[in-house]
Amino acid sequence: MWVRGVELWGSGRKEGGVPIGIAVSGDSSIERFAPLGDHLVAVEPDADLVAGWDAAHDGASRKIGQIPISWDTDPDAAVARAHDQFRWFGGGWSVNADLPTPAGFAAASQFVRPEDVADAIACGPDLDALAESVRPFLDAGFTDVAIVQIGDAQQERFVAEVAAPLLERLRAL
């Protein structure tokens, strides 16, 4: 099987090829895709997921947790943006995986309140709180995290002012 010029063998990537990260959500996806990929990607801090992936890779792979945050100097604006763009996140991966269309997402998240989103996603200017939001992934055995800053409007400012100090805090964990 060829994926963008990288030959995949039944037991992982061809030596010297590009490592492949595969998003999985449970035992059946690990069973099916772990032999094809090099690294786990997940959006929930599930220690059983890490253990299952490790069993398929003898523990020799990266486990990457993908975590949304909503940084803003104005906490209310951070929550409002997260609610507007990520309110579907409050339902968990099982809801997200089963919703095939934008209309399905809209219907499933129509009653999600801003405070529900703020409980699920770290929002606001507190870099220590944003960094600490990755703790459940570290406790579950993830080796790496991928931070997703919500919203286009704040991206340049986030990168210029916040990314470096946030990375310092994350590395200190």
C-alpha atoms as a PDB file:
ATOM      1  CA  MET A   1       0.000   0.000   0.000  1.00  0.00           C
ATOM      2  CA  TRP A   2       1.332   3.450  -0.887  1.00  0.00           C
ATOM      3  CA  VAL A   3       0.409   6.597   1.039  1.00  0.00           C
ATOM      4  CA  ARG A   4       1.893   9.784  -0.432  1.00  0.00           C
ATOM      5  CA  GLY A   5       4.962   7.922  -1.600  1.00  0.00           C
ATOM      6  CA  VAL A   6       5.612   6.108   1.679  1.00  0.00           C
ATOM      7  CA  GLU A   7       5.525   2.350   1.395  1.00  0.00           C
ATOM      8  CA  LEU A   8       3.767   0.725   4.335  1.00  0.00           C
ATOM      9  CA  TRP A   9       4.453  -2.869   5.267  1.00  0.00           C
ATOM     10  CA  GLY A  10       2.263  -5.039   7.437  1.00  0.00           C
ATOM     11  CA  SER A  11       4.362  -4.277  10.523  1.00  0.00           C
ATOM     12  CA  GLY A  12       4.790  -0.516  10.160  1.00  0.00           C
ATOM     13  CA  ARG A  13       6.631   1.877   7.875  1.00  0.00           C
ATOM     14  CA  LYS A  14       9.441   0.959   5.567  1.00  0.00           C
ATOM     15  CA  GLU A  15      12.806   1.726   7.175  1.00  0.00           C
ATOM     16  CA  GLY A  16      13.804   5.305   6.433  1.00  0.00           C
ATOM     17  CA  GLY A  17      10.307   6.396   5.436  1.00  0.00           C
ATOM     18  CA  VAL A  18       8.226   9.147   6.925  1.00  0.00           C
ATOM     19  CA  PRO A  19       6.707   8.191  10.307  1.00  0.00           C
ATOM     20  CA  ILE A  20       2.919   8.001  10.196  1.00  0.00           C
ATOM     21  CA  GLY A  21       0.696   9.105  13.089  1.00  0.00           C
ATOM     22  CA  ILE A  22      -2.735   7.505  13.148  1.00  0.00           C
ATOM     23  CA  ALA A  23      -5.740   8.815  15.051  1.00  0.00           C
ATOM     24  CA  VAL A  24      -7.472   6.029  16.926  1.00  0.00           C
ATOM     25  CA  SER A  25     -10.314   5.946  19.416  1.00  0.00           C
ATOM     26  CA  GLY A  26     -10.593   2.406  20.725  1.00  0.00           C
ATOM     27  CA  ASP A  27      -9.606  -1.230  20.577  1.00  0.00           C
ATOM     28  CA  SER A  28     -10.970  -1.929  17.096  1.00  0.00           C
ATOM     29  CA  SER A  29      -9.139   1.011  15.523  1.00  0.00           C
ATOM     30  CA  ILE A  30      -5.920   0.052  17.324  1.00  0.00           C
ATOM     31  CA  GLU A  31      -6.247  -3.536  16.126  1.00  0.00           C
ATOM     32  CA  ARG A  32      -6.836  -2.439  12.562  1.00  0.00           C
ATOM     33  CA  PHE A  33      -4.433   0.490  12.215  1.00  0.00           C
ATOM     34  CA  ALA A  34      -1.589   0.037  14.717  1.00  0.00           C
ATOM     35  CA  PRO A  35       0.247  -2.318  12.340  1.00  0.00           C
ATOM     36  CA  LEU A  36       0.147   0.395   9.645  1.00  0.00           C
ATOM     37  CA  GLY A  37       1.269   3.375  11.695  1.00  0.00           C
ATOM     38  CA  ASP A  38       4.137   4.497  13.832  1.00  0.00           C
ATOM     39  CA  HIS A  39       2.512   6.859  16.324  1.00  0.00           C
ATOM     40  CA  LEU A  40      -0.823   7.175  18.097  1.00  0.00           C
ATOM     41  CA  VAL A  41      -2.872  10.381  17.898  1.00  0.00           C
ATOM     42  CA  ALA A  42      -5.887  10.801  20.205  1.00  0.00           C
ATOM     43  CA  VAL A  43      -8.147  13.555  21.518  1.00  0.00           C
ATOM     44  CA  GLU A  44      -9.065  11.919  24.816  1.00  0.00           C
ATOM     45  CA  PRO A  45      -6.667  11.106  27.668  1.00  0.00           C
ATOM     46  CA  ASP A  46      -7.404   7.384  27.745  1.00  0.00           C
ATOM     47  CA  ALA A  47      -4.751   5.241  29.464  1.00  0.00           C
ATOM     48  CA  ASP A  48      -6.298   2.060  28.015  1.00  0.00           C
ATOM     49  CA  LEU A  49      -5.825   3.475  24.523  1.00  0.00           C
ATOM     50  CA  VAL A  50      -2.137   4.100  25.258  1.00  0.00           C
ATOM     51  CA  ALA A  51      -1.732   0.615  26.732  1.00  0.00           C
ATOM     52  CA  GLY A  52      -3.350  -1.002  23.699  1.00  0.00           C
ATOM     53  CA  TRP A  53      -1.162   0.967  21.305  1.00  0.00           C
ATOM     54  CA  ASP A  54       1.950   0.183  23.351  1.00  0.00           C
ATOM     55  CA  ALA A  55       1.117  -3.516  23.254  1.00  0.00           C
ATOM     56  CA  ALA A  56       1.013  -3.364  19.461  1.00  0.00           C
ATOM     57  CA  HIS A  57       4.312  -1.467  19.292  1.00  0.00           C
ATOM     58  CA  ASP A  58       6.231  -2.923  22.248  1.00  0.00           C
ATOM     59  CA  GLY A  59       6.038   0.546  23.813  1.00  0.00           C
ATOM     60  CA  ALA A  60       8.354   1.969  21.139  1.00  0.00           C
ATOM     61  CA  SER A  61       6.284   4.758  19.663  1.00  0.00           C
ATOM     62  CA  ARG A  62       5.046   8.232  20.385  1.00  0.00           C
ATOM     63  CA  LYS A  63       1.584   8.755  21.806  1.00  0.00           C
ATOM     64  CA  ILE A  64       0.320  12.215  20.862  1.00  0.00           C
ATOM     65  CA  GLY A  65      -2.605  13.851  22.648  1.00  0.00           C
ATOM     66  CA  GLN A  66      -4.334  16.613  20.707  1.00  0.00           C
ATOM     67  CA  ILE A  67      -5.744  19.278  23.028  1.00  0.00           C
ATOM     68  CA  PRO A  68      -7.693  22.428  22.140  1.00  0.00           C
ATOM     69  CA  ILE A  69      -7.152  25.640  24.094  1.00  0.00           C
ATOM     70  CA  SER A  70      -8.649  29.088  23.693  1.00  0.00           C
ATOM     71  CA  TRP A  71      -6.151  31.734  24.739  1.00  0.00           C
ATOM     72  CA  ASP A  72      -7.220  35.352  24.898  1.00  0.00           C
ATOM     73  CA  THR A  73      -6.444  38.247  27.226  1.00  0.00           C
ATOM     74  CA  ASP A  74     -10.216  38.496  27.750  1.00  0.00           C
ATOM     75  CA  PRO A  75     -11.495  35.295  29.418  1.00  0.00           C
ATOM     76  CA  ASP A  76     -15.072  35.904  28.227  1.00  0.00           C
ATOM     77  CA  ALA A  77     -13.890  36.312  24.625  1.00  0.00           C
ATOM     78  CA  ALA A  78     -11.881  33.083  24.911  1.00  0.00           C
ATOM     79  CA  VAL A  79     -14.921  31.158  26.138  1.00  0.00           C
ATOM     80  CA  ALA A  80     -17.204  32.744  23.519  1.00  0.00           C
ATOM     81  CA  ARG A  81     -14.803  31.806  20.703  1.00  0.00           C
ATOM     82  CA  ALA A  82     -14.433  28.235  21.993  1.00  0.00           C
ATOM     83  CA  HIS A  83     -18.213  27.951  22.285  1.00  0.00           C
ATOM     84  CA  ASP A  84     -18.711  29.295  18.774  1.00  0.00           C
ATOM     85  CA  GLN A  85     -16.078  27.118  17.100  1.00  0.00           C
ATOM     86  CA  PHE A  86     -15.598  24.058  19.346  1.00  0.00           C
ATOM     87  CA  ARG A  87     -18.852  23.497  21.246  1.00  0.00           C
ATOM     88  CA  TRP A  88     -19.090  20.066  19.622  1.00  0.00           C
ATOM     89  CA  PHE A  89     -16.012  19.115  21.682  1.00  0.00           C
ATOM     90  CA  GLY A  90     -18.107  18.927  24.845  1.00  0.00           C
ATOM     91  CA  GLY A  91     -19.850  15.791  23.598  1.00  0.00           C
ATOM     92  CA  GLY A  92     -16.668  13.721  23.508  1.00  0.00           C
ATOM     93  CA  TRP A  93     -15.139  11.695  20.728  1.00  0.00           C
ATOM     94  CA  SER A  94     -17.921   9.110  20.592  1.00  0.00           C
ATOM     95  CA  VAL A  95     -20.404  11.833  19.650  1.00  0.00           C
ATOM     96  CA  ASN A  96     -18.034  13.438  17.163  1.00  0.00           C
ATOM     97  CA  ALA A  97     -17.224  10.173  15.419  1.00  0.00           C
ATOM     98  CA  ASP A  98     -20.876   9.398  14.803  1.00  0.00           C
ATOM     99  CA  LEU A  99     -21.939  12.763  13.378  1.00  0.00           C
ATOM    100  CA  PRO A 100     -21.533  12.691   9.602  1.00  0.00           C
ATOM    101  CA  THR A 101     -22.543  16.238   8.647  1.00  0.00           C
ATOM    102  CA  PRO A 102     -22.335  19.840   9.863  1.00  0.00           C
ATOM    103  CA  ALA A 103     -26.098  19.693  10.446  1.00  0.00           C
ATOM    104  CA  GLY A 104     -25.555  16.720  12.758  1.00  0.00           C
ATOM    105  CA  PHE A 105     -22.912  18.624  14.724  1.00  0.00           C
ATOM    106  CA  ALA A 106     -25.181  21.669  14.965  1.00  0.00           C
ATOM    107  CA  ALA A 107     -28.097  19.583  16.211  1.00  0.00           C
ATOM    108  CA  ALA A 108     -25.983  17.651  18.721  1.00  0.00           C
ATOM    109  CA  SER A 109     -24.412  20.799  20.154  1.00  0.00           C
ATOM    110  CA  GLN A 110     -27.347  23.212  20.095  1.00  0.00           C
ATOM    111  CA  PHE A 111     -27.862  22.997  23.860  1.00  0.00           C
ATOM    112  CA  VAL A 112     -24.181  23.177  24.833  1.00  0.00           C
ATOM    113  CA  ARG A 113     -23.689  26.288  26.957  1.00  0.00           C
ATOM    114  CA  PRO A 114     -20.542  28.446  27.092  1.00  0.00           C
ATOM    115  CA  GLU A 115     -19.878  27.235  30.631  1.00  0.00           C
ATOM    116  CA  ASP A 116     -20.016  23.618  29.392  1.00  0.00           C
ATOM    117  CA  VAL A 117     -17.297  24.425  26.871  1.00  0.00           C
ATOM    118  CA  ALA A 118     -15.242  26.265  29.506  1.00  0.00           C
ATOM    119  CA  ASP A 119     -15.378  23.101  31.647  1.00  0.00           C
ATOM    120  CA  ALA A 120     -14.064  20.984  28.750  1.00  0.00           C
ATOM    121  CA  ILE A 121     -11.529  23.367  27.168  1.00  0.00           C
ATOM    122  CA  ALA A 122      -8.981  25.589  28.919  1.00  0.00           C
ATOM    123  CA  CYS A 123      -9.912  29.181  28.072  1.00  0.00           C
ATOM    124  CA  GLY A 124      -8.428  32.555  28.957  1.00  0.00           C
ATOM    125  CA  PRO A 125      -5.112  34.283  29.627  1.00  0.00           C
ATOM    126  CA  ASP A 126      -3.759  32.057  32.441  1.00  0.00           C
ATOM    127  CA  LEU A 127      -0.824  30.210  30.856  1.00  0.00           C
ATOM    128  CA  ASP A 128      -0.409  27.972  33.897  1.00  0.00           C
ATOM    129  CA  ALA A 129      -4.034  26.809  33.558  1.00  0.00           C
ATOM    130  CA  LEU A 130      -3.621  26.292  29.815  1.00  0.00           C
ATOM    131  CA  ALA A 131      -0.479  24.219  30.389  1.00  0.00           C
ATOM    132  CA  GLU A 132      -2.088  22.253  33.198  1.00  0.00           C
ATOM    133  CA  SER A 133      -4.936  21.254  30.847  1.00  0.00           C
ATOM    134  CA  VAL A 134      -2.578  18.691  29.276  1.00  0.00           C
ATOM    135  CA  ARG A 135      -1.990  16.940  32.632  1.00  0.00           C
ATOM    136  CA  PRO A 136      -4.645  14.225  32.032  1.00  0.00           C
ATOM    137  CA  PHE A 137      -2.812  13.220  28.832  1.00  0.00           C
ATOM    138  CA  LEU A 138       0.515  13.011  30.650  1.00  0.00           C
ATOM    139  CA  ASP A 139      -1.087  10.993  33.456  1.00  0.00           C
ATOM    140  CA  ALA A 140      -2.575   8.619  30.853  1.00  0.00           C
ATOM    141  CA  GLY A 141       0.876   7.912  29.389  1.00  0.00           C
ATOM    142  CA  PHE A 142       0.968  10.181  26.352  1.00  0.00           C
ATOM    143  CA  THR A 143       4.511  11.137  25.345  1.00  0.00           C
ATOM    144  CA  ASP A 144       3.667  14.252  23.326  1.00  0.00           C
ATOM    145  CA  VAL A 145       0.928  16.846  23.066  1.00  0.00           C
ATOM    146  CA  ALA A 146      -0.340  18.874  20.124  1.00  0.00           C
ATOM    147  CA  ILE A 147      -1.955  22.118  21.205  1.00  0.00           C
ATOM    148  CA  VAL A 148      -4.735  23.527  19.006  1.00  0.00           C
ATOM    149  CA  GLN A 149      -5.343  27.257  19.557  1.00  0.00           C
ATOM    150  CA  ILE A 150      -8.973  27.880  18.652  1.00  0.00           C
ATOM    151  CA  GLY A 151      -9.779  30.656  16.219  1.00  0.00           C
ATOM    152  CA  ASP A 152      -8.004  32.478  13.432  1.00  0.00           C
ATOM    153  CA  ALA A 153      -8.263  35.992  14.854  1.00  0.00           C
ATOM    154  CA  GLN A 154      -5.830  35.390  17.709  1.00  0.00           C
ATOM    155  CA  GLN A 155      -3.269  33.200  15.896  1.00  0.00           C
ATOM    156  CA  GLU A 156      -0.633  35.841  15.129  1.00  0.00           C
ATOM    157  CA  ARG A 157      -0.819  37.325  18.597  1.00  0.00           C
ATOM    158  CA  PHE A 158      -0.788  33.870  20.187  1.00  0.00           C
ATOM    159  CA  VAL A 159       2.346  32.874  18.276  1.00  0.00           C
ATOM    160  CA  ALA A 160       4.105  36.209  18.885  1.00  0.00           C
ATOM    161  CA  GLU A 161       3.264  36.660  22.578  1.00  0.00           C
ATOM    162  CA  VAL A 162       2.114  33.403  24.095  1.00  0.00           C
ATOM    163  CA  ALA A 163       3.575  30.359  22.347  1.00  0.00           C
ATOM    164  CA  ALA A 164       7.104  30.560  23.809  1.00  0.00           C
ATOM    165  CA  PRO A 165       6.091  31.090  27.454  1.00  0.00           C
ATOM    166  CA  LEU A 166       3.366  28.446  27.141  1.00  0.00           C
ATOM    167  CA  LEU A 167       5.859  25.951  25.705  1.00  0.00           C
ATOM    168  CA  GLU A 168       8.169  26.612  28.667  1.00  0.00           C
ATOM    169  CA  ARG A 169       5.355  25.782  31.067  1.00  0.00           C
ATOM    170  CA  LEU A 170       4.408  22.675  29.094  1.00  0.00           C
ATOM    171  CA  ARG A 171       7.989  21.403  29.075  1.00  0.00           C
ATOM    172  CA  ALA A 172       8.184  21.959  32.834  1.00  0.00           C
ATOM    173  CA  LEU A 173       5.334  19.509  33.356  1.00  0.00           C
END
